[in-house]
N, C-alpha and C. Protein backbone atom coordinates (compact mmCIF):
# COMPACT_ATOMS: atom_id res chain seq x y z
N UNK A 1 220.17 92.88 216.13
CA UNK A 1 219.05 91.59 215.69
C UNK A 1 219.73 90.14 216.32
N UNK A 2 218.85 88.83 216.60
CA UNK A 2 219.62 88.31 217.91
C UNK A 2 219.88 87.47 216.44
N UNK A 3 221.22 86.44 216.90
CA UNK A 3 221.52 85.02 216.19
C UNK A 3 222.08 83.98 216.61
N UNK A 4 222.26 82.82 215.81
CA UNK A 4 221.99 81.75 216.45
C UNK A 4 223.76 81.19 216.64
N UNK A 5 224.40 81.82 216.31
CA UNK A 5 225.95 81.58 216.08
C UNK A 5 226.47 81.51 217.85
N UNK A 6 226.27 82.41 218.64
CA UNK A 6 226.14 81.87 220.08
C UNK A 6 225.35 82.04 220.88
N UNK A 7 225.13 80.68 221.99
CA UNK A 7 223.94 80.92 222.62
C UNK A 7 223.83 81.91 223.48
N UNK A 8 224.74 82.65 224.04
CA UNK A 8 224.68 83.59 224.92
C UNK A 8 224.10 84.70 224.15
N UNK A 9 224.32 85.27 223.32
CA UNK A 9 224.70 86.28 222.41
C UNK A 9 223.64 87.76 222.92
N UNK A 10 222.16 86.66 222.90
CA UNK A 10 221.08 87.40 222.55
C UNK A 10 221.09 88.15 223.96
N UNK A 11 221.30 87.40 225.10
CA UNK A 11 221.09 89.14 226.34
C UNK A 11 222.46 89.70 226.42
N UNK A 12 223.41 89.23 225.84
CA UNK A 12 223.92 90.50 225.42
C UNK A 12 224.03 91.57 224.61
N UNK A 13 223.17 91.52 224.02
CA UNK A 13 222.43 92.30 222.99
C UNK A 13 221.65 93.18 223.72
N UNK A 14 220.54 92.99 224.79
CA UNK A 14 219.77 94.10 225.66
C UNK A 14 220.77 94.82 226.52
N UNK A 15 221.97 94.22 227.09
CA UNK A 15 223.06 94.85 228.03
C UNK A 15 223.87 95.89 227.44
N UNK A 16 224.05 96.17 226.54
CA UNK A 16 224.40 97.07 225.18
C UNK A 16 223.42 98.71 225.59
N UNK A 17 221.98 97.81 226.12
CA UNK A 17 221.21 99.40 225.78
C UNK A 17 220.36 99.59 224.59
N UNK A 18 220.88 98.86 223.28
CA UNK A 18 220.26 99.07 222.25
C UNK A 18 218.77 97.94 222.01
N UNK A 19 218.24 98.66 221.05
CA UNK A 19 216.69 98.24 220.37
C UNK A 19 217.09 96.76 220.16
N UNK A 20 216.50 95.94 220.44
CA UNK A 20 216.98 94.50 219.88
C UNK A 20 215.41 93.75 218.97
N UNK A 21 215.83 93.67 217.98
CA UNK A 21 215.38 93.11 217.16
C UNK A 21 214.75 91.24 216.75
N UNK A 22 214.33 90.86 217.50
CA UNK A 22 214.21 88.94 217.42
C UNK A 22 213.46 88.58 216.11
N UNK A 23 214.41 87.77 215.59
CA UNK A 23 213.80 87.54 214.37
C UNK A 23 213.22 85.58 214.52
N UNK A 24 212.01 85.31 214.41
CA UNK A 24 211.54 84.08 214.81
C UNK A 24 211.43 83.32 216.01
N UNK A 25 211.32 82.11 215.72
CA UNK A 25 211.18 81.40 217.19
C UNK A 25 212.12 80.27 217.35
N UNK A 26 212.37 79.72 216.37
CA UNK A 26 213.57 78.48 216.03
C UNK A 26 214.41 78.40 216.95
N UNK A 27 214.88 79.16 217.59
CA UNK A 27 215.96 78.98 218.90
C UNK A 27 215.66 79.98 220.20
N UNK A 28 215.83 78.90 221.02
CA UNK A 28 215.41 79.68 222.22
C UNK A 28 216.14 79.11 223.32
N UNK A 29 216.01 80.16 224.49
CA UNK A 29 216.32 79.62 225.66
C UNK A 29 215.91 79.46 226.92
N UNK A 30 216.21 79.25 228.03
CA UNK A 30 215.03 78.98 229.06
C UNK A 30 214.03 80.60 229.93
N UNK A 31 214.93 81.76 229.34
CA UNK A 31 214.14 82.78 229.92
C UNK A 31 213.33 83.78 228.73
N UNK A 32 213.99 83.10 227.64
CA UNK A 32 212.43 83.83 226.55
C UNK A 32 211.53 83.95 226.71
N UNK A 33 211.15 82.78 227.41
CA UNK A 33 208.84 82.96 227.50
C UNK A 33 208.81 83.97 228.35
N UNK A 34 209.79 84.76 229.37
CA UNK A 34 209.05 85.60 230.55
C UNK A 34 209.47 87.28 229.51
N UNK A 35 210.42 86.87 228.28
CA UNK A 35 210.37 88.56 227.76
C UNK A 35 209.01 89.01 226.55
N UNK A 36 208.62 89.66 226.87
CA UNK A 36 207.19 90.46 226.27
C UNK A 36 207.79 90.94 224.93
N UNK A 37 206.97 90.27 223.89
CA UNK A 37 207.06 91.54 222.70
C UNK A 37 206.73 92.63 222.94
N UNK A 38 207.10 93.42 222.46
CA UNK A 38 206.70 95.46 222.43
C UNK A 38 207.03 96.02 223.52
N UNK A 39 207.91 95.09 224.20
CA UNK A 39 207.98 95.12 225.99
C UNK A 39 209.42 95.51 225.98
N UNK A 40 209.62 94.23 225.95
CA UNK A 40 211.08 94.23 225.65
C UNK A 40 212.11 93.94 224.57
N UNK A 41 211.23 93.64 223.42
CA UNK A 41 212.00 93.04 222.33
C UNK A 41 211.05 93.83 220.68
N UNK A 42 211.45 93.74 220.18
CA UNK A 42 210.84 94.14 218.44
C UNK A 42 210.87 92.83 218.03
N UNK A 43 209.75 92.04 217.61
CA UNK A 43 209.43 90.81 217.36
C UNK A 43 209.43 90.99 215.75
N UNK A 44 209.91 90.19 214.69
CA UNK A 44 210.21 89.88 213.67
C UNK A 44 209.63 88.90 213.04
N UNK A 45 208.94 88.33 212.28
CA UNK A 45 208.52 86.96 212.05
C UNK A 45 210.05 86.40 211.21
N UNK A 46 210.04 85.26 211.11
CA UNK A 46 211.48 84.63 210.15
C UNK A 46 211.19 84.59 208.89
N UNK A 47 209.88 84.71 208.56
CA UNK A 47 209.69 84.96 207.24
C UNK A 47 208.98 86.22 206.37
N UNK A 48 209.54 87.07 207.04
CA UNK A 48 208.90 88.28 207.17
C UNK A 48 209.63 88.76 205.47
N UNK A 49 208.75 89.47 204.99
CA UNK A 49 208.98 90.27 203.68
C UNK A 49 209.83 91.63 203.84
N UNK A 50 210.68 91.36 203.07
CA UNK A 50 211.78 93.25 202.89
C UNK A 50 210.42 94.34 203.44
N UNK A 51 209.49 94.48 202.79
CA UNK A 51 208.37 95.19 202.47
C UNK A 51 208.02 95.53 204.61
N UNK A 52 207.72 93.94 205.24
CA UNK A 52 207.15 93.69 206.52
C UNK A 52 208.39 94.76 207.38
N UNK A 53 209.83 94.61 206.97
CA UNK A 53 210.96 94.87 208.00
C UNK A 53 210.93 96.18 207.50
N UNK A 54 211.03 97.01 206.19
CA UNK A 54 211.13 98.02 205.94
C UNK A 54 210.13 98.85 206.79
N UNK A 55 208.69 98.51 207.14
CA UNK A 55 207.93 99.05 207.61
C UNK A 55 208.21 99.12 209.19
N UNK A 56 208.66 97.84 209.53
CA UNK A 56 208.72 98.40 211.06
C UNK A 56 209.99 99.25 211.23
N UNK A 57 210.76 99.05 210.64
CA UNK A 57 212.21 99.99 210.75
C UNK A 57 211.38 100.92 211.20
N UNK A 58 210.72 101.81 209.78
CA UNK A 58 210.42 102.96 209.55
C UNK A 58 209.19 103.45 210.54
N UNK A 59 208.49 102.60 210.99
CA UNK A 59 207.68 102.74 212.75
C UNK A 59 208.63 103.19 213.52
N UNK A 60 209.51 102.69 213.82
CA UNK A 60 210.52 102.78 215.20
C UNK A 60 211.16 103.84 214.97
N UNK A 61 211.83 104.20 213.35
CA UNK A 61 212.73 105.69 213.28
C UNK A 61 211.50 106.55 213.70
N UNK A 62 210.47 106.35 213.44
CA UNK A 62 208.97 107.77 213.55
C UNK A 62 208.96 107.38 215.18
N UNK A 63 209.03 106.94 215.82
CA UNK A 63 208.73 106.65 217.14
C UNK A 63 209.76 106.32 218.39
N UNK A 64 210.90 107.55 218.08
CA UNK A 64 212.03 107.16 218.64
C UNK A 64 211.76 106.65 220.74
N UNK A 65 211.08 107.43 221.11
CA UNK A 65 210.08 107.49 222.01
C UNK A 65 210.10 106.13 223.04
N UNK A 66 209.51 105.14 221.63
CA UNK A 66 208.78 104.03 221.96
C UNK A 66 209.74 103.11 222.04
N UNK A 67 210.73 103.47 220.76
CA UNK A 67 212.27 102.34 220.70
C UNK A 67 213.02 102.51 221.87
N UNK A 68 213.27 103.68 222.41
CA UNK A 68 214.01 103.41 223.63
C UNK A 68 213.74 103.01 225.14
N UNK A 69 212.17 103.62 224.79
CA UNK A 69 211.40 102.57 226.14
C UNK A 69 211.87 101.42 226.28
N UNK A 70 211.31 100.62 224.91
CA UNK A 70 211.60 98.99 224.95
C UNK A 70 212.90 98.35 225.05
N UNK A 71 213.99 99.47 224.42
CA UNK A 71 215.30 99.22 224.92
C UNK A 71 215.58 99.01 226.58
N UNK A 72 215.50 100.45 226.67
CA UNK A 72 215.52 100.19 228.39
C UNK A 72 215.30 98.82 228.90
N UNK A 73 213.61 98.92 228.69
CA UNK A 73 212.57 97.54 229.67
C UNK A 73 213.83 96.64 228.97
N UNK A 74 214.19 95.99 227.95
CA UNK A 74 214.90 95.17 227.64
C UNK A 74 216.03 94.64 228.28
N UNK A 75 217.08 95.96 228.41
CA UNK A 75 217.87 96.17 229.33
C UNK A 75 217.81 96.12 230.97
N UNK A 76 216.82 96.43 231.36
CA UNK A 76 216.13 96.27 232.65
C UNK A 76 216.10 94.83 233.33
N UNK A 77 215.13 94.14 231.87
CA UNK A 77 215.06 92.76 232.23
C UNK A 77 216.24 91.79 232.70
N UNK A 78 217.07 91.88 231.65
CA UNK A 78 218.60 91.30 231.83
C UNK A 78 218.93 91.38 233.02
N UNK A 79 219.31 92.50 233.36
CA UNK A 79 219.64 93.22 234.38
C UNK A 79 219.52 92.66 236.15
N UNK A 80 217.80 92.28 235.91
CA UNK A 80 217.60 92.37 237.35
C UNK A 80 217.15 90.87 237.27
N UNK A 81 217.00 90.20 236.04
CA UNK A 81 216.04 88.37 236.21
C UNK A 81 217.59 87.28 235.39
N UNK A 82 218.59 87.98 235.05
CA UNK A 82 219.54 86.82 234.36
C UNK A 82 221.15 87.44 234.95
N UNK A 83 220.78 87.70 236.54
CA UNK A 83 222.39 87.91 237.00
C UNK A 83 222.90 86.24 237.19
N UNK A 84 223.78 85.96 237.55
CA UNK A 84 224.74 84.85 237.88
C UNK A 84 223.83 83.89 238.43
N UNK A 85 223.32 84.42 239.66
CA UNK A 85 223.14 83.70 240.66
C UNK A 85 221.69 83.15 240.36
N UNK A 86 221.03 83.95 239.10
CA UNK A 86 219.77 83.43 238.67
C UNK A 86 219.68 82.57 238.10
N UNK A 87 220.78 82.45 237.48
CA UNK A 87 221.38 81.13 236.02
C UNK A 87 221.41 80.31 236.86
N UNK A 88 222.37 80.11 237.74
CA UNK A 88 222.38 78.97 238.37
C UNK A 88 221.58 78.55 239.38
N UNK A 89 220.37 79.38 239.92
CA UNK A 89 219.45 79.13 240.66
C UNK A 89 218.29 78.19 239.41
N UNK A 90 218.22 78.70 238.16
CA UNK A 90 217.80 77.69 237.32
C UNK A 90 218.25 76.61 236.78
N UNK A 91 219.91 76.28 236.98
CA UNK A 91 220.21 75.11 236.44
C UNK A 91 220.40 74.16 237.26
N UNK A 92 220.35 74.99 238.55
CA UNK A 92 220.33 74.08 239.98
C UNK A 92 218.58 73.30 239.81
N UNK A 93 217.83 73.77 239.92
CA UNK A 93 216.56 73.59 239.57
C UNK A 93 215.87 72.85 238.69
N UNK A 94 216.44 73.04 237.83
CA UNK A 94 216.72 71.72 236.64
C UNK A 94 216.94 70.48 236.45
N UNK A 95 218.64 70.64 236.93
CA UNK A 95 219.30 69.64 237.13
C UNK A 95 218.45 68.47 238.51
N UNK A 96 218.19 69.07 239.54
CA UNK A 96 217.19 68.49 240.60
C UNK A 96 216.48 67.83 240.26
N UNK A 97 215.25 68.54 239.05
CA UNK A 97 213.93 67.86 238.71
C UNK A 97 214.55 66.68 237.69
N UNK A 98 215.03 66.81 237.38
CA UNK A 98 215.77 65.86 235.64
C UNK A 98 216.44 64.79 236.50
N UNK A 99 217.25 64.70 237.85
CA UNK A 99 217.62 64.13 238.60
C UNK A 99 216.62 62.75 239.15
N UNK A 100 215.72 63.26 239.19
CA UNK A 100 214.86 62.55 239.79
C UNK A 100 214.03 61.71 238.96
N UNK A 101 214.20 62.04 237.42
CA UNK A 101 213.44 61.06 236.37
C UNK A 101 214.43 59.85 235.65
N UNK A 102 215.70 60.04 236.07
CA UNK A 102 216.66 58.98 236.02
C UNK A 102 216.07 57.85 236.81
N UNK A 103 216.41 56.56 235.50
CA UNK A 103 215.93 54.80 236.50
C UNK A 103 216.92 54.50 236.66
N UNK A 104 218.12 55.18 237.31
CA UNK A 104 219.16 54.30 237.51
C UNK A 104 220.31 55.08 238.59
N UNK A 105 220.87 54.93 239.68
CA UNK A 105 221.55 55.05 240.62
C UNK A 105 222.76 55.54 240.21
N UNK A 106 223.34 56.88 240.41
CA UNK A 106 224.22 57.59 240.09
C UNK A 106 225.49 57.94 241.52
N UNK A 107 226.69 57.26 240.98
CA UNK A 107 227.17 57.74 242.12
C UNK A 107 228.57 58.40 241.55
N UNK A 108 229.30 59.47 242.32
CA UNK A 108 230.27 59.93 242.38
C UNK A 108 231.73 59.15 241.87
N UNK A 109 232.62 58.76 240.82
CA UNK A 109 233.78 58.06 240.87
C UNK A 109 234.98 58.91 241.66
N UNK A 110 235.66 58.09 241.88
CA UNK A 110 237.14 58.69 242.31
C UNK A 110 237.60 59.34 241.53
N UNK A 111 237.20 59.07 239.85
CA UNK A 111 238.53 59.15 239.01
C UNK A 111 238.16 60.64 238.65
N UNK A 112 236.73 61.40 239.24
CA UNK A 112 235.91 62.43 238.28
C UNK A 112 236.20 63.55 239.12
N UNK A 113 236.78 64.43 238.17
CA UNK A 113 237.08 65.99 238.33
C UNK A 113 235.84 66.95 238.62
N UNK A 114 236.09 67.96 239.56
CA UNK A 114 235.17 69.04 239.28
C UNK A 114 235.74 70.27 238.46
N UNK A 115 234.85 70.19 237.45
CA UNK A 115 235.31 71.32 236.18
C UNK A 115 234.36 72.95 236.78
């Protein structure tokens, strides 16, 4: 299950090769929209009752082949779409678009240090 303690944790759950259960939609990262429920992960409403969660768990246990396929799809998605170069590309494009919205000129100060 995903958590919100560390923003980068979700993609690492996929990389473990395990079936990922995704609770709620309160927190998102830029790639969440490309993930498909029941293809890459199993969606569970944040207000799901204990009975609903148990029903989903029972279904997944009874459909092991489907569970394994979803886990594999999720892992492959992360491996092929969230490589470091993909993330850098996303941030580069985002910052370039954002910089066009700035209403002031920005100039690099000599005291700035690259991190």
